[in-house]
């Protein structure tokens, strides 16, 4: 006879029904395993719906729901009239997904904002230092061109902000680490919603431009410490202007 389970001490088992996984989740995990193990490399077409239904023993709804989940993750591409294909790796897509995640997290947990600002400052200050070591003449010219465009857009807040993001993203690319550059762009994409309050305050557009030029000057001079400090000053000043839940309109 099987023994019954007895609990001793103060520990009590919380009553919670153990639920089976949805069929679509099982399908998604099977396909993920095929992708991760290299059986379905980037660009490869997936089996047809009918082939998947027969191979996995599930109905069309489970297949389609699993496909939608993989598409949302950016792992497959679905085009009308064609079989879904395994997506080519795209760091820009990672940035977009990270921005969406940040939006959700920061909307419901404002305490994370301070940590995000600190992480951004530490990361971009180090990237500015690296840029001072690695920047080529073309890199510096690109940064100057972005700031020159930004200087012409002080009365056009959305485009001024776009150039601001381009400046930080392009600077991060100089490191040669495209993953880091994507993260910088993703963080900026979310913080962008707080930025209008800064650029709409009289005189701060000019301050932003002066700070960008100071960062470029340090990079062009090959002075890593000065580039680090200039970026820290820039972001520390800007951080005080990021207020959660502001209406950007």
C-alpha atoms as a PDB file:
ATOM      1  CA  UNK A   1       0.000   0.000   0.000  1.00  0.00           C
ATOM      2  CA  UNK A   2       1.311   3.417  -0.930  1.00  0.00           C
ATOM      3  CA  UNK A   3       2.175   5.608   1.987  1.00  0.00           C
ATOM      4  CA  UNK A   4       0.377   8.903   2.357  1.00  0.00           C
ATOM      5  CA  UNK A   5       2.392  12.132   2.304  1.00  0.00           C
ATOM      6  CA  UNK A   6       2.725  13.755   5.728  1.00  0.00           C
ATOM      7  CA  UNK A   7       3.995  17.272   6.383  1.00  0.00           C
ATOM      8  CA  UNK A   8       5.765  18.125   9.633  1.00  0.00           C
ATOM      9  CA  UNK A   9       6.781  21.444  11.121  1.00  0.00           C
ATOM     10  CA  UNK A  10       5.394  24.749   9.862  1.00  0.00           C
ATOM     11  CA  UNK A  11       5.761  24.080   6.130  1.00  0.00           C
ATOM     12  CA  UNK A  12       2.452  23.734   4.328  1.00  0.00           C
ATOM     13  CA  UNK A  13       1.929  22.755   0.732  1.00  0.00           C
ATOM     14  CA  UNK A  14       0.113  25.465  -1.192  1.00  0.00           C
ATOM     15  CA  UNK A  15      -2.867  24.079  -3.050  1.00  0.00           C
ATOM     16  CA  UNK A  16      -2.255  24.625  -6.727  1.00  0.00           C
ATOM     17  CA  UNK A  17      -3.392  22.565  -9.665  1.00  0.00           C
ATOM     18  CA  UNK A  18      -0.561  21.352 -11.903  1.00  0.00           C
ATOM     19  CA  UNK A  19      -1.628  22.124 -15.430  1.00  0.00           C
ATOM     20  CA  UNK A  20      -0.452  20.512 -18.617  1.00  0.00           C
ATOM     21  CA  UNK A  21       1.304  22.640 -21.211  1.00  0.00           C
ATOM     22  CA  UNK A  22      -0.760  23.909 -24.092  1.00  0.00           C
ATOM     23  CA  UNK A  23      -0.269  21.972 -27.292  1.00  0.00           C
ATOM     24  CA  UNK A  24       0.982  25.120 -29.020  1.00  0.00           C
ATOM     25  CA  UNK A  25       3.659  25.506 -26.335  1.00  0.00           C
ATOM     26  CA  UNK A  26       4.810  21.954 -26.972  1.00  0.00           C
ATOM     27  CA  UNK A  27       4.944  22.625 -30.708  1.00  0.00           C
ATOM     28  CA  UNK A  28       6.900  25.835 -30.155  1.00  0.00           C
ATOM     29  CA  UNK A  29       9.446  24.065 -27.946  1.00  0.00           C
ATOM     30  CA  UNK A  30       9.916  21.270 -30.486  1.00  0.00           C
ATOM     31  CA  UNK A  31      10.555  23.814 -33.250  1.00  0.00           C
ATOM     32  CA  UNK A  32      12.839  25.845 -30.998  1.00  0.00           C
ATOM     33  CA  UNK A  33      14.902  22.730 -30.349  1.00  0.00           C
ATOM     34  CA  UNK A  34      15.227  22.130 -34.106  1.00  0.00           C
ATOM     35  CA  UNK A  35      16.414  25.723 -34.589  1.00  0.00           C
ATOM     36  CA  UNK A  36      18.819  25.711 -31.624  1.00  0.00           C
ATOM     37  CA  UNK A  37      20.347  22.377 -32.649  1.00  0.00           C
ATOM     38  CA  UNK A  38      21.017  23.683 -36.147  1.00  0.00           C
ATOM     39  CA  UNK A  39      18.596  21.392 -37.974  1.00  0.00           C
ATOM     40  CA  UNK A  40      16.748  24.506 -39.147  1.00  0.00           C
ATOM     41  CA  UNK A  41      19.439  27.143 -39.843  1.00  0.00           C
ATOM     42  CA  UNK A  42      18.706  30.828 -40.653  1.00  0.00           C
ATOM     43  CA  UNK A  43      16.870  31.123 -43.958  1.00  0.00           C
ATOM     44  CA  UNK A  44      15.657  27.513 -43.943  1.00  0.00           C
ATOM     45  CA  UNK A  45      11.927  26.963 -44.654  1.00  0.00           C
ATOM     46  CA  UNK A  46       9.876  25.256 -41.971  1.00  0.00           C
ATOM     47  CA  UNK A  47       7.785  22.189 -42.792  1.00  0.00           C
ATOM     48  CA  UNK A  48       4.273  22.894 -44.046  1.00  0.00           C
ATOM     49  CA  UNK A  49       1.349  23.048 -41.630  1.00  0.00           C
ATOM     50  CA  UNK A  50       0.170  19.646 -42.840  1.00  0.00           C
ATOM     51  CA  UNK A  51       3.624  18.097 -42.374  1.00  0.00           C
ATOM     52  CA  UNK A  52       3.862  19.511 -38.860  1.00  0.00           C
ATOM     53  CA  UNK A  53       0.353  18.327 -38.006  1.00  0.00           C
ATOM     54  CA  UNK A  54       1.203  14.795 -39.131  1.00  0.00           C
ATOM     55  CA  UNK A  55       4.646  14.721 -37.511  1.00  0.00           C
ATOM     56  CA  UNK A  56       3.530  16.142 -34.167  1.00  0.00           C
ATOM     57  CA  UNK A  57       0.011  14.760 -33.996  1.00  0.00           C
ATOM     58  CA  UNK A  58      -1.692  18.079 -33.319  1.00  0.00           C
ATOM     59  CA  UNK A  59      -4.296  20.219 -35.046  1.00  0.00           C
ATOM     60  CA  UNK A  60      -3.865  23.308 -37.218  1.00  0.00           C
ATOM     61  CA  UNK A  61      -4.733  25.811 -34.401  1.00  0.00           C
ATOM     62  CA  UNK A  62      -1.808  24.583 -32.260  1.00  0.00           C
ATOM     63  CA  UNK A  63       0.577  24.880 -35.221  1.00  0.00           C
ATOM     64  CA  UNK A  64      -0.571  28.389 -36.088  1.00  0.00           C
ATOM     65  CA  UNK A  65      -0.419  29.591 -32.486  1.00  0.00           C
ATOM     66  CA  UNK A  66       3.125  28.225 -32.138  1.00  0.00           C
ATOM     67  CA  UNK A  67       4.134  29.936 -35.387  1.00  0.00           C
ATOM     68  CA  UNK A  68       2.707  33.239 -34.165  1.00  0.00           C
ATOM     69  CA  UNK A  69       4.679  32.905 -30.931  1.00  0.00           C
ATOM     70  CA  UNK A  70       7.929  32.235 -32.813  1.00  0.00           C
ATOM     71  CA  UNK A  71       7.233  35.163 -35.113  1.00  0.00           C
ATOM     72  CA  UNK A  72       6.656  37.460 -32.121  1.00  0.00           C
ATOM     73  CA  UNK A  73      10.031  36.347 -30.774  1.00  0.00           C
ATOM     74  CA  UNK A  74      11.630  37.308 -34.079  1.00  0.00           C
ATOM     75  CA  UNK A  75      12.768  33.737 -34.745  1.00  0.00           C
ATOM     76  CA  UNK A  76      10.780  33.094 -37.893  1.00  0.00           C
ATOM     77  CA  UNK A  77       9.574  35.227 -40.793  1.00  0.00           C
ATOM     78  CA  UNK A  78       6.133  34.701 -42.254  1.00  0.00           C
ATOM     79  CA  UNK A  79       5.330  35.992 -45.746  1.00  0.00           C
ATOM     80  CA  UNK A  80       2.017  35.625 -47.512  1.00  0.00           C
ATOM     81  CA  UNK A  81       1.992  32.700 -49.913  1.00  0.00           C
ATOM     82  CA  UNK A  82       5.299  31.266 -48.674  1.00  0.00           C
ATOM     83  CA  UNK A  83       6.372  28.835 -46.019  1.00  0.00           C
ATOM     84  CA  UNK A  84       7.645  30.413 -42.800  1.00  0.00           C
ATOM     85  CA  UNK A  85      11.435  30.611 -42.695  1.00  0.00           C
ATOM     86  CA  UNK A  86      13.910  30.770 -39.842  1.00  0.00           C
ATOM     87  CA  UNK A  87      14.842  34.435 -39.469  1.00  0.00           C
ATOM     88  CA  UNK A  88      18.331  35.734 -39.994  1.00  0.00           C
ATOM     89  CA  UNK A  89      19.817  37.085 -36.723  1.00  0.00           C
ATOM     90  CA  UNK A  90      19.005  40.791 -36.416  1.00  0.00           C
ATOM     91  CA  UNK A  91      20.371  42.916 -33.598  1.00  0.00           C
ATOM     92  CA  UNK A  92      17.991  45.749 -34.513  1.00  0.00           C
ATOM     93  CA  UNK A  93      15.114  43.421 -33.734  1.00  0.00           C
ATOM     94  CA  UNK A  94      16.699  42.697 -30.365  1.00  0.00           C
ATOM     95  CA  UNK A  95      16.750  46.424 -29.675  1.00  0.00           C
ATOM     96  CA  UNK A  96      13.082  46.740 -30.560  1.00  0.00           C
ATOM     97  CA  UNK A  97      12.103  43.823 -28.346  1.00  0.00           C
ATOM     98  CA  UNK A  98      14.199  45.148 -25.468  1.00  0.00           C
ATOM     99  CA  UNK A  99      12.562  48.550 -25.805  1.00  0.00           C
ATOM    100  CA  UNK A 100       9.120  46.949 -25.586  1.00  0.00           C
ATOM    101  CA  UNK A 101      10.165  44.968 -22.521  1.00  0.00           C
ATOM    102  CA  UNK A 102      11.534  48.108 -20.879  1.00  0.00           C
ATOM    103  CA  UNK A 103       8.294  49.898 -21.616  1.00  0.00           C
ATOM    104  CA  UNK A 104       6.319  47.188 -19.830  1.00  0.00           C
ATOM    105  CA  UNK A 105       8.661  46.905 -16.854  1.00  0.00           C
ATOM    106  CA  UNK A 106       9.048  50.625 -16.282  1.00  0.00           C
ATOM    107  CA  UNK A 107       5.351  51.299 -16.704  1.00  0.00           C
ATOM    108  CA  UNK A 108       4.563  49.058 -13.763  1.00  0.00           C
ATOM    109  CA  UNK A 109       7.744  49.402 -11.682  1.00  0.00           C
ATOM    110  CA  UNK A 110       9.086  52.950 -11.571  1.00  0.00           C
ATOM    111  CA  UNK A 111      11.856  51.875  -9.142  1.00  0.00           C
ATOM    112  CA  UNK A 112      13.623  50.233 -12.081  1.00  0.00           C
ATOM    113  CA  UNK A 113      14.043  53.629 -13.743  1.00  0.00           C
ATOM    114  CA  UNK A 114      16.882  54.686 -11.423  1.00  0.00           C
ATOM    115  CA  UNK A 115      18.693  51.411 -12.094  1.00  0.00           C
ATOM    116  CA  UNK A 116      18.228  51.809 -15.847  1.00  0.00           C
ATOM    117  CA  UNK A 117      19.649  55.335 -15.794  1.00  0.00           C
ATOM    118  CA  UNK A 118      22.635  54.165 -13.762  1.00  0.00           C
ATOM    119  CA  UNK A 119      23.245  51.258 -16.137  1.00  0.00           C
ATOM    120  CA  UNK A 120      23.031  53.572 -19.123  1.00  0.00           C
ATOM    121  CA  UNK A 121      25.505  56.025 -17.618  1.00  0.00           C
ATOM    122  CA  UNK A 122      28.053  53.321 -16.782  1.00  0.00           C
ATOM    123  CA  UNK A 123      27.715  51.644 -20.179  1.00  0.00           C
ATOM    124  CA  UNK A 124      27.820  54.752 -22.349  1.00  0.00           C
ATOM    125  CA  UNK A 125      30.665  56.328 -20.387  1.00  0.00           C
ATOM    126  CA  UNK A 126      32.752  53.211 -21.035  1.00  0.00           C
ATOM    127  CA  UNK A 127      31.709  53.181 -24.687  1.00  0.00           C
ATOM    128  CA  UNK A 128      32.837  56.818 -25.016  1.00  0.00           C
ATOM    129  CA  UNK A 129      36.203  55.840 -23.541  1.00  0.00           C
ATOM    130  CA  UNK A 130      36.496  52.963 -26.035  1.00  0.00           C
ATOM    131  CA  UNK A 131      35.473  55.273 -28.879  1.00  0.00           C
ATOM    132  CA  UNK A 132      38.352  57.596 -28.007  1.00  0.00           C
ATOM    133  CA  UNK A 133      40.712  54.647 -28.481  1.00  0.00           C
ATOM    134  CA  UNK A 134      39.172  53.199 -31.653  1.00  0.00           C
ATOM    135  CA  UNK A 135      37.517  56.031 -33.569  1.00  0.00           C
ATOM    136  CA  UNK A 136      38.636  56.584 -37.145  1.00  0.00           C
ATOM    137  CA  UNK A 137      38.378  59.831 -39.050  1.00  0.00           C
ATOM    138  CA  UNK A 138      35.169  58.526 -40.629  1.00  0.00           C
ATOM    139  CA  UNK A 139      33.673  57.764 -37.218  1.00  0.00           C
ATOM    140  CA  UNK A 140      34.393  61.275 -35.958  1.00  0.00           C
ATOM    141  CA  UNK A 141      33.041  62.790 -39.175  1.00  0.00           C
ATOM    142  CA  UNK A 142      29.817  60.802 -38.772  1.00  0.00           C
ATOM    143  CA  UNK A 143      29.341  62.054 -35.196  1.00  0.00           C
ATOM    144  CA  UNK A 144      29.965  65.642 -36.273  1.00  0.00           C
ATOM    145  CA  UNK A 145      27.492  65.291 -39.149  1.00  0.00           C
ATOM    146  CA  UNK A 146      24.798  64.014 -36.793  1.00  0.00           C
ATOM    147  CA  UNK A 147      25.309  66.927 -34.407  1.00  0.00           C
ATOM    148  CA  UNK A 148      25.301  69.371 -37.332  1.00  0.00           C
ATOM    149  CA  UNK A 149      21.924  67.990 -38.415  1.00  0.00           C
ATOM    150  CA  UNK A 150      20.677  68.132 -34.837  1.00  0.00           C
ATOM    151  CA  UNK A 151      21.678  71.799 -34.585  1.00  0.00           C
ATOM    152  CA  UNK A 152      19.301  72.584 -37.465  1.00  0.00           C
ATOM    153  CA  UNK A 153      16.376  70.871 -35.727  1.00  0.00           C
ATOM    154  CA  UNK A 154      16.136  72.698 -32.398  1.00  0.00           C
ATOM    155  CA  UNK A 155      12.576  73.777 -33.248  1.00  0.00           C
ATOM    156  CA  UNK A 156      11.533  70.288 -34.363  1.00  0.00           C
ATOM    157  CA  UNK A 157      11.422  68.218 -31.183  1.00  0.00           C
ATOM    158  CA  UNK A 158      10.720  64.750 -32.690  1.00  0.00           C
ATOM    159  CA  UNK A 159      13.556  65.040 -35.225  1.00  0.00           C
ATOM    160  CA  UNK A 160      15.901  66.598 -32.673  1.00  0.00           C
ATOM    161  CA  UNK A 161      15.264  63.553 -30.481  1.00  0.00           C
ATOM    162  CA  UNK A 162      15.806  61.226 -33.436  1.00  0.00           C
ATOM    163  CA  UNK A 163      19.232  62.772 -34.042  1.00  0.00           C
ATOM    164  CA  UNK A 164      19.965  62.509 -30.325  1.00  0.00           C
ATOM    165  CA  UNK A 165      19.336  58.768 -30.483  1.00  0.00           C
ATOM    166  CA  UNK A 166      21.404  58.495 -33.662  1.00  0.00           C
ATOM    167  CA  UNK A 167      24.317  60.226 -31.926  1.00  0.00           C
ATOM    168  CA  UNK A 168      24.376  57.811 -29.001  1.00  0.00           C
ATOM    169  CA  UNK A 169      23.807  54.786 -31.240  1.00  0.00           C
ATOM    170  CA  UNK A 170      26.544  55.753 -33.708  1.00  0.00           C
ATOM    171  CA  UNK A 171      29.002  56.425 -30.888  1.00  0.00           C
ATOM    172  CA  UNK A 172      28.280  52.982 -29.427  1.00  0.00           C
ATOM    173  CA  UNK A 173      28.924  51.359 -32.822  1.00  0.00           C
ATOM    174  CA  UNK A 174      32.516  52.637 -32.772  1.00  0.00           C
ATOM    175  CA  UNK A 175      33.268  50.027 -30.105  1.00  0.00           C
ATOM    176  CA  UNK A 176      32.773  47.354 -32.746  1.00  0.00           C
ATOM    177  CA  UNK A 177      30.345  45.554 -30.430  1.00  0.00           C
ATOM    178  CA  UNK A 178      27.046  45.649 -32.300  1.00  0.00           C
ATOM    179  CA  UNK A 179      25.231  43.983 -29.408  1.00  0.00           C
ATOM    180  CA  UNK A 180      26.187  46.844 -27.112  1.00  0.00           C
ATOM    181  CA  UNK A 181      25.146  49.344 -29.775  1.00  0.00           C
ATOM    182  CA  UNK A 182      21.750  47.660 -30.040  1.00  0.00           C
ATOM    183  CA  UNK A 183      21.289  47.805 -26.280  1.00  0.00           C
ATOM    184  CA  UNK A 184      22.151  51.524 -26.270  1.00  0.00           C
ATOM    185  CA  UNK A 185      19.575  52.165 -28.984  1.00  0.00           C
ATOM    186  CA  UNK A 186      16.982  50.081 -27.135  1.00  0.00           C
ATOM    187  CA  UNK A 187      17.451  51.955 -23.870  1.00  0.00           C
ATOM    188  CA  UNK A 188      17.264  55.284 -25.651  1.00  0.00           C
ATOM    189  CA  UNK A 189      14.093  54.201 -27.470  1.00  0.00           C
ATOM    190  CA  UNK A 190      12.318  53.793 -24.151  1.00  0.00           C
ATOM    191  CA  UNK A 191      13.829  56.810 -22.375  1.00  0.00           C
ATOM    192  CA  UNK A 192      12.875  58.877 -25.399  1.00  0.00           C
ATOM    193  CA  UNK A 193       9.376  59.208 -24.007  1.00  0.00           C
ATOM    194  CA  UNK A 194      10.802  61.265 -21.123  1.00  0.00           C
ATOM    195  CA  UNK A 195      13.037  63.474 -23.252  1.00  0.00           C
ATOM    196  CA  UNK A 196      10.538  66.025 -24.658  1.00  0.00           C
ATOM    197  CA  UNK A 197      10.372  67.812 -21.310  1.00  0.00           C
ATOM    198  CA  UNK A 198      14.097  68.484 -21.622  1.00  0.00           C
ATOM    199  CA  UNK A 199      14.252  69.683 -25.216  1.00  0.00           C
ATOM    200  CA  UNK A 200      11.174  71.858 -24.797  1.00  0.00           C
ATOM    201  CA  UNK A 201      12.742  73.817 -21.961  1.00  0.00           C
ATOM    202  CA  UNK A 202      14.289  77.005 -23.307  1.00  0.00           C
ATOM    203  CA  UNK A 203      18.048  76.754 -23.782  1.00  0.00           C
ATOM    204  CA  UNK A 204      18.492  73.024 -23.188  1.00  0.00           C
ATOM    205  CA  UNK A 205      18.728  72.209 -26.883  1.00  0.00           C
ATOM    206  CA  UNK A 206      21.885  74.314 -26.963  1.00  0.00           C
ATOM    207  CA  UNK A 207      23.215  72.611 -23.836  1.00  0.00           C
ATOM    208  CA  UNK A 208      22.664  69.173 -25.398  1.00  0.00           C
ATOM    209  CA  UNK A 209      24.522  70.209 -28.546  1.00  0.00           C
ATOM    210  CA  UNK A 210      27.434  71.647 -26.557  1.00  0.00           C
ATOM    211  CA  UNK A 211      27.705  68.438 -24.540  1.00  0.00           C
ATOM    212  CA  UNK A 212      27.661  66.308 -27.695  1.00  0.00           C
ATOM    213  CA  UNK A 213      30.431  68.445 -29.179  1.00  0.00           C
ATOM    214  CA  UNK A 214      32.502  68.108 -25.996  1.00  0.00           C
ATOM    215  CA  UNK A 215      32.193  64.325 -26.218  1.00  0.00           C
ATOM    216  CA  UNK A 216      33.259  64.378 -29.876  1.00  0.00           C
ATOM    217  CA  UNK A 217      36.220  66.650 -29.116  1.00  0.00           C
ATOM    218  CA  UNK A 218      37.491  64.225 -26.482  1.00  0.00           C
ATOM    219  CA  UNK A 219      37.041  61.273 -28.837  1.00  0.00           C
ATOM    220  CA  UNK A 220      38.803  63.079 -31.675  1.00  0.00           C
ATOM    221  CA  UNK A 221      41.694  63.922 -29.324  1.00  0.00           C
ATOM    222  CA  UNK A 222      41.970  60.259 -28.338  1.00  0.00           C
ATOM    223  CA  UNK A 223      41.444  61.190 -24.674  1.00  0.00           C
ATOM    224  CA  UNK A 224      39.501  58.299 -23.177  1.00  0.00           C
ATOM    225  CA  UNK A 225      39.261  59.776 -19.694  1.00  0.00           C
ATOM    226  CA  UNK A 226      37.921  63.081 -21.014  1.00  0.00           C
ATOM    227  CA  UNK A 227      35.400  61.255 -23.227  1.00  0.00           C
ATOM    228  CA  UNK A 228      34.254  59.198 -20.238  1.00  0.00           C
ATOM    229  CA  UNK A 229      33.844  62.304 -18.086  1.00  0.00           C
ATOM    230  CA  UNK A 230      32.073  64.261 -20.838  1.00  0.00           C
ATOM    231  CA  UNK A 231      29.566  61.462 -21.310  1.00  0.00           C
ATOM    232  CA  UNK A 232      29.024  61.124 -17.562  1.00  0.00           C
ATOM    233  CA  UNK A 233      28.374  64.856 -17.300  1.00  0.00           C
ATOM    234  CA  UNK A 234      25.977  64.722 -20.254  1.00  0.00           C
ATOM    235  CA  UNK A 235      23.932  61.798 -18.974  1.00  0.00           C
ATOM    236  CA  UNK A 236      23.987  62.876 -15.324  1.00  0.00           C
ATOM    237  CA  UNK A 237      22.561  66.244 -16.332  1.00  0.00           C
ATOM    238  CA  UNK A 238      19.987  64.622 -18.604  1.00  0.00           C
ATOM    239  CA  UNK A 239      19.009  61.981 -16.040  1.00  0.00           C
ATOM    240  CA  UNK A 240      17.505  64.603 -13.740  1.00  0.00           C
ATOM    241  CA  UNK A 241      15.090  65.486 -16.549  1.00  0.00           C
ATOM    242  CA  UNK A 242      13.721  61.978 -17.110  1.00  0.00           C
ATOM    243  CA  UNK A 243      10.439  61.782 -15.228  1.00  0.00           C
ATOM    244  CA  UNK A 244       8.352  58.607 -15.446  1.00  0.00           C
ATOM    245  CA  UNK A 245       4.776  58.729 -16.696  1.00  0.00           C
ATOM    246  CA  UNK A 246       5.121  62.193 -18.307  1.00  0.00           C
ATOM    247  CA  UNK A 247       2.917  62.803 -21.296  1.00  0.00           C
ATOM    248  CA  UNK A 248       5.252  63.338 -24.252  1.00  0.00           C
ATOM    249  CA  UNK A 249       2.598  65.276 -26.147  1.00  0.00           C
END
